[in-house]
Amino acid sequence: MKIAFATEENKGIESMLAYHFGRCPYYVFVDVSGGEVKNTETKENPFFNSHEPGVAPKFIANEKAEIIIAGGMGPRAIEWFKNLGVKAITTRPRKIKDILQDYFDGNL
């Protein structure tokens, strides 16, 4: 499974989660299986400076992410993700590795 994280930094799973998914500078994509991280990839947000409704959710879905995690997102974005088959999760910003542990432990 691939999980996308909206991040403030380009530090892989050491990155801090961004407060807003669409206005973050980076997305970190993490492939997980059996409660373990198998691969990570960081991509710059191509819509960082300006974006239209739906373009960032389509970008995340096109990257084959099944889940997007961010500090926050609006109801229209959540609806876009739902329609694209991507589960949207919001949580308090902290390091991705800590959020992953919470996810693996069933605490998100």
N, C-alpha and C. Protein backbone atom coordinates (compact mmCIF):
# COMPACT_ATOMS: atom_id res chain seq x y z
N MET A 1 0.85 -1.17 0.00
CA MET A 1 0.00 0.00 0.00
C MET A 1 0.89 1.23 0.00
N LYS A 2 0.44 2.26 -0.71
CA LYS A 2 1.19 3.51 -0.76
C LYS A 2 0.41 4.58 0.01
N ILE A 3 1.12 5.24 0.92
CA ILE A 3 0.56 6.34 1.71
C ILE A 3 1.29 7.62 1.31
N ALA A 4 0.53 8.66 1.02
CA ALA A 4 1.10 9.97 0.71
C ALA A 4 1.00 10.87 1.94
N PHE A 5 2.04 11.64 2.17
CA PHE A 5 2.08 12.59 3.27
C PHE A 5 2.37 13.98 2.72
N ALA A 6 1.60 14.97 3.14
CA ALA A 6 1.89 16.36 2.82
C ALA A 6 2.96 16.82 3.81
N THR A 7 4.09 17.30 3.30
CA THR A 7 5.20 17.62 4.20
C THR A 7 5.77 19.01 3.98
N GLU A 8 6.45 19.48 5.01
CA GLU A 8 7.13 20.77 4.97
C GLU A 8 8.58 20.63 4.54
N GLU A 9 9.12 19.39 4.56
CA GLU A 9 10.54 19.18 4.33
C GLU A 9 10.77 18.04 3.35
N ASN A 10 11.97 18.02 2.79
CA ASN A 10 12.39 16.96 1.89
C ASN A 10 13.36 16.04 2.64
N LYS A 11 12.85 15.37 3.68
CA LYS A 11 13.70 14.52 4.52
C LYS A 11 13.10 13.12 4.67
N GLY A 12 12.33 12.67 3.69
CA GLY A 12 11.74 11.34 3.78
C GLY A 12 10.85 11.22 5.00
N ILE A 13 10.97 10.08 5.71
CA ILE A 13 10.10 9.87 6.88
C ILE A 13 10.52 10.70 8.09
N GLU A 14 11.63 11.41 7.98
CA GLU A 14 12.04 12.35 9.03
C GLU A 14 11.39 13.72 8.84
N SER A 15 10.65 13.90 7.74
CA SER A 15 10.00 15.18 7.44
C SER A 15 8.86 15.45 8.40
N MET A 16 8.59 16.74 8.61
CA MET A 16 7.44 17.16 9.41
C MET A 16 6.21 17.24 8.51
N LEU A 17 5.09 16.77 9.04
CA LEU A 17 3.83 16.85 8.33
C LEU A 17 3.43 18.31 8.16
N ALA A 18 2.86 18.64 7.01
CA ALA A 18 2.40 20.01 6.75
C ALA A 18 1.01 20.21 7.33
N TYR A 19 0.70 21.46 7.61
CA TYR A 19 -0.62 21.80 8.15
C TYR A 19 -1.71 21.71 7.09
N HIS A 20 -1.36 21.89 5.80
CA HIS A 20 -2.37 21.86 4.75
C HIS A 20 -1.84 21.04 3.58
N PHE A 21 -2.64 20.10 3.10
CA PHE A 21 -2.16 19.19 2.07
C PHE A 21 -1.87 19.89 0.74
N GLY A 22 -2.68 20.85 0.33
CA GLY A 22 -2.52 21.46 -0.98
C GLY A 22 -1.45 22.52 -1.05
N ARG A 23 -1.08 23.09 0.08
CA ARG A 23 -0.10 24.18 0.09
C ARG A 23 1.24 23.76 0.68
N CYS A 24 1.48 22.48 0.71
CA CYS A 24 2.75 21.99 1.22
C CYS A 24 3.80 22.00 0.11
N PRO A 25 5.07 22.15 0.44
CA PRO A 25 6.09 22.15 -0.60
C PRO A 25 6.43 20.76 -1.15
N TYR A 26 6.18 19.71 -0.36
CA TYR A 26 6.56 18.36 -0.77
C TYR A 26 5.47 17.34 -0.42
N TYR A 27 5.51 16.24 -1.15
CA TYR A 27 4.74 15.05 -0.80
C TYR A 27 5.73 13.91 -0.64
N VAL A 28 5.60 13.17 0.45
CA VAL A 28 6.42 11.98 0.66
C VAL A 28 5.49 10.78 0.48
N PHE A 29 5.88 9.90 -0.43
CA PHE A 29 5.12 8.69 -0.72
C PHE A 29 5.85 7.52 -0.07
N VAL A 30 5.11 6.77 0.75
CA VAL A 30 5.71 5.68 1.51
C VAL A 30 4.98 4.39 1.15
N ASP A 31 5.74 3.41 0.65
CA ASP A 31 5.19 2.09 0.40
C ASP A 31 5.35 1.27 1.67
N VAL A 32 4.23 0.72 2.15
CA VAL A 32 4.26 -0.08 3.37
C VAL A 32 3.66 -1.45 3.10
N SER A 33 4.15 -2.43 3.85
CA SER A 33 3.62 -3.78 3.77
C SER A 33 3.93 -4.49 5.08
N GLY A 34 2.92 -5.11 5.67
CA GLY A 34 3.13 -5.86 6.90
C GLY A 34 3.66 -5.02 8.05
N GLY A 35 3.26 -3.76 8.11
CA GLY A 35 3.70 -2.90 9.20
C GLY A 35 5.13 -2.41 9.06
N GLU A 36 5.68 -2.50 7.85
CA GLU A 36 7.05 -2.05 7.60
C GLU A 36 7.10 -1.10 6.42
N VAL A 37 8.04 -0.17 6.49
CA VAL A 37 8.30 0.74 5.37
C VAL A 37 9.17 0.00 4.37
N LYS A 38 8.69 -0.08 3.12
CA LYS A 38 9.44 -0.76 2.07
C LYS A 38 10.19 0.21 1.17
N ASN A 39 9.63 1.40 0.96
CA ASN A 39 10.26 2.37 0.07
C ASN A 39 9.67 3.75 0.36
N THR A 40 10.48 4.78 0.13
CA THR A 40 9.98 6.16 0.24
C THR A 40 10.45 6.94 -0.97
N GLU A 41 9.63 7.90 -1.36
CA GLU A 41 9.98 8.80 -2.47
C GLU A 41 9.39 10.17 -2.16
N THR A 42 10.19 11.21 -2.34
CA THR A 42 9.73 12.57 -2.11
C THR A 42 9.60 13.28 -3.45
N LYS A 43 8.47 13.97 -3.63
CA LYS A 43 8.25 14.75 -4.85
C LYS A 43 7.84 16.16 -4.46
N GLU A 44 8.33 17.13 -5.22
CA GLU A 44 7.90 18.50 -5.01
C GLU A 44 6.43 18.61 -5.39
N ASN A 45 5.71 19.45 -4.66
CA ASN A 45 4.31 19.70 -4.98
C ASN A 45 4.27 20.59 -6.22
N PRO A 46 3.80 20.05 -7.36
CA PRO A 46 3.79 20.86 -8.58
C PRO A 46 2.77 22.00 -8.54
N PHE A 47 1.92 22.01 -7.53
CA PHE A 47 0.88 23.03 -7.40
C PHE A 47 1.09 23.92 -6.17
N PHE A 48 2.33 23.97 -5.68
CA PHE A 48 2.65 24.68 -4.45
C PHE A 48 2.25 26.15 -4.50
N ASN A 49 2.58 26.84 -5.56
CA ASN A 49 2.32 28.28 -5.64
C ASN A 49 0.90 28.63 -6.05
N SER A 50 0.26 27.76 -6.78
CA SER A 50 -1.14 28.00 -7.16
C SER A 50 -1.74 26.68 -7.64
N HIS A 51 -2.96 26.47 -7.26
CA HIS A 51 -3.63 25.26 -7.73
C HIS A 51 -5.13 25.48 -7.84
N GLU A 52 -5.72 24.75 -8.74
CA GLU A 52 -7.16 24.79 -8.92
C GLU A 52 -7.76 23.63 -8.15
N PRO A 53 -9.03 23.72 -7.79
CA PRO A 53 -9.66 22.61 -7.07
C PRO A 53 -9.52 21.29 -7.83
N GLY A 54 -9.08 20.28 -7.11
CA GLY A 54 -8.99 18.94 -7.67
C GLY A 54 -7.66 18.54 -8.26
N VAL A 55 -6.79 19.50 -8.58
CA VAL A 55 -5.54 19.11 -9.24
C VAL A 55 -4.58 18.39 -8.29
N ALA A 56 -4.47 18.83 -7.06
CA ALA A 56 -3.59 18.14 -6.10
C ALA A 56 -4.14 16.74 -5.76
N PRO A 57 -5.45 16.59 -5.50
CA PRO A 57 -5.97 15.24 -5.28
C PRO A 57 -5.74 14.31 -6.48
N LYS A 58 -5.88 14.83 -7.69
CA LYS A 58 -5.63 14.00 -8.88
C LYS A 58 -4.16 13.59 -8.95
N PHE A 59 -3.26 14.52 -8.59
CA PHE A 59 -1.83 14.22 -8.57
C PHE A 59 -1.55 13.07 -7.60
N ILE A 60 -2.11 13.15 -6.40
CA ILE A 60 -1.90 12.11 -5.39
C ILE A 60 -2.46 10.77 -5.88
N ALA A 61 -3.67 10.79 -6.46
CA ALA A 61 -4.28 9.56 -6.98
C ALA A 61 -3.47 8.98 -8.14
N ASN A 62 -2.94 9.83 -9.00
CA ASN A 62 -2.13 9.36 -10.13
C ASN A 62 -0.82 8.73 -9.68
N GLU A 63 -0.37 9.08 -8.49
CA GLU A 63 0.83 8.47 -7.91
C GLU A 63 0.51 7.11 -7.27
N LYS A 64 -0.74 6.70 -7.35
CA LYS A 64 -1.22 5.40 -6.84
C LYS A 64 -1.27 5.32 -5.32
N ALA A 65 -1.38 6.49 -4.67
CA ALA A 65 -1.53 6.49 -3.21
C ALA A 65 -2.95 6.07 -2.86
N GLU A 66 -3.08 5.26 -1.83
CA GLU A 66 -4.39 4.82 -1.36
C GLU A 66 -4.86 5.67 -0.18
N ILE A 67 -3.90 6.34 0.47
CA ILE A 67 -4.19 7.17 1.64
C ILE A 67 -3.39 8.47 1.51
N ILE A 68 -4.00 9.59 1.90
CA ILE A 68 -3.28 10.86 2.03
C ILE A 68 -3.41 11.30 3.48
N ILE A 69 -2.29 11.69 4.07
CA ILE A 69 -2.28 12.16 5.45
C ILE A 69 -1.71 13.57 5.46
N ALA A 70 -2.44 14.49 6.11
CA ALA A 70 -2.01 15.89 6.22
C ALA A 70 -2.50 16.44 7.55
N GLY A 71 -1.97 17.60 7.90
CA GLY A 71 -2.42 18.26 9.12
C GLY A 71 -3.85 18.76 8.99
N GLY A 72 -4.26 19.08 7.78
CA GLY A 72 -5.62 19.54 7.56
C GLY A 72 -5.94 19.62 6.08
N MET A 73 -7.22 19.63 5.77
CA MET A 73 -7.69 19.83 4.41
C MET A 73 -9.17 20.20 4.45
N GLY A 74 -9.59 20.92 3.45
CA GLY A 74 -10.96 21.37 3.40
C GLY A 74 -11.93 20.30 2.93
N PRO A 75 -13.22 20.57 3.10
CA PRO A 75 -14.24 19.59 2.72
C PRO A 75 -14.28 19.28 1.23
N ARG A 76 -13.97 20.27 0.39
CA ARG A 76 -13.95 19.98 -1.06
C ARG A 76 -12.82 19.03 -1.41
N ALA A 77 -11.67 19.21 -0.80
CA ALA A 77 -10.55 18.30 -1.06
C ALA A 77 -10.88 16.89 -0.57
N ILE A 78 -11.48 16.80 0.59
CA ILE A 78 -11.86 15.48 1.11
C ILE A 78 -12.83 14.80 0.15
N GLU A 79 -13.76 15.55 -0.40
CA GLU A 79 -14.71 15.00 -1.37
C GLU A 79 -14.00 14.55 -2.64
N TRP A 80 -13.03 15.34 -3.11
CA TRP A 80 -12.25 14.94 -4.28
C TRP A 80 -11.54 13.62 -4.01
N PHE A 81 -10.88 13.50 -2.86
CA PHE A 81 -10.18 12.27 -2.54
C PHE A 81 -11.15 11.09 -2.47
N LYS A 82 -12.28 11.30 -1.85
CA LYS A 82 -13.28 10.23 -1.75
C LYS A 82 -13.68 9.76 -3.15
N ASN A 83 -13.96 10.69 -4.05
CA ASN A 83 -14.36 10.34 -5.40
C ASN A 83 -13.25 9.66 -6.20
N LEU A 84 -12.00 9.92 -5.83
CA LEU A 84 -10.86 9.30 -6.50
C LEU A 84 -10.43 7.99 -5.83
N GLY A 85 -11.10 7.60 -4.75
CA GLY A 85 -10.77 6.35 -4.07
C GLY A 85 -9.58 6.43 -3.16
N VAL A 86 -9.25 7.63 -2.69
CA VAL A 86 -8.13 7.85 -1.78
C VAL A 86 -8.69 8.23 -0.42
N LYS A 87 -8.28 7.51 0.61
CA LYS A 87 -8.74 7.81 1.97
C LYS A 87 -7.96 9.00 2.51
N ALA A 88 -8.67 10.02 2.98
CA ALA A 88 -8.04 11.22 3.54
C ALA A 88 -8.04 11.14 5.06
N ILE A 89 -6.87 11.36 5.65
CA ILE A 89 -6.72 11.35 7.11
C ILE A 89 -6.04 12.65 7.52
N THR A 90 -6.57 13.30 8.54
CA THR A 90 -5.90 14.47 9.11
C THR A 90 -5.45 14.13 10.53
N THR A 91 -4.32 14.70 10.90
CA THR A 91 -3.75 14.46 12.23
C THR A 91 -2.85 15.63 12.58
N ARG A 92 -2.47 15.71 13.82
CA ARG A 92 -1.61 16.82 14.24
C ARG A 92 -0.21 16.65 13.62
N PRO A 93 0.38 17.74 13.15
CA PRO A 93 1.70 17.67 12.53
C PRO A 93 2.78 17.19 13.50
N ARG A 94 3.58 16.28 13.01
CA ARG A 94 4.75 15.74 13.68
C ARG A 94 5.55 14.98 12.62
N LYS A 95 6.62 14.30 12.99
CA LYS A 95 7.43 13.59 12.01
C LYS A 95 6.64 12.42 11.40
N ILE A 96 6.87 12.20 10.12
CA ILE A 96 6.16 11.13 9.41
C ILE A 96 6.42 9.78 10.07
N LYS A 97 7.64 9.52 10.51
CA LYS A 97 7.92 8.21 11.11
C LYS A 97 7.04 7.97 12.34
N ASP A 98 6.73 9.03 13.09
CA ASP A 98 5.86 8.89 14.27
C ASP A 98 4.40 8.67 13.85
N ILE A 99 3.99 9.33 12.79
CA ILE A 99 2.63 9.13 12.28
C ILE A 99 2.48 7.72 11.74
N LEU A 100 3.50 7.23 11.04
CA LEU A 100 3.46 5.85 10.54
C LEU A 100 3.31 4.85 11.68
N GLN A 101 4.03 5.08 12.77
CA GLN A 101 3.92 4.18 13.91
C GLN A 101 2.50 4.20 14.47
N ASP A 102 1.91 5.39 14.58
CA ASP A 102 0.52 5.49 15.03
C ASP A 102 -0.41 4.75 14.07
N TYR A 103 -0.15 4.87 12.77
CA TYR A 103 -0.97 4.18 11.76
C TYR A 103 -0.84 2.67 11.94
N PHE A 104 0.39 2.17 12.05
CA PHE A 104 0.62 0.73 12.22
C PHE A 104 -0.03 0.21 13.51
N ASP A 105 -0.03 1.04 14.54
CA ASP A 105 -0.63 0.65 15.83
C ASP A 105 -2.15 0.81 15.85
N GLY A 106 -2.73 1.32 14.76
CA GLY A 106 -4.18 1.51 14.68
C GLY A 106 -4.68 2.73 15.44
N ASN A 107 -3.81 3.71 15.64
CA ASN A 107 -4.17 4.90 16.42
C ASN A 107 -4.48 6.13 15.57
N LEU A 108 -4.70 5.95 14.27
CA LEU A 108 -5.08 7.09 13.42
C LEU A 108 -6.49 6.91 12.97
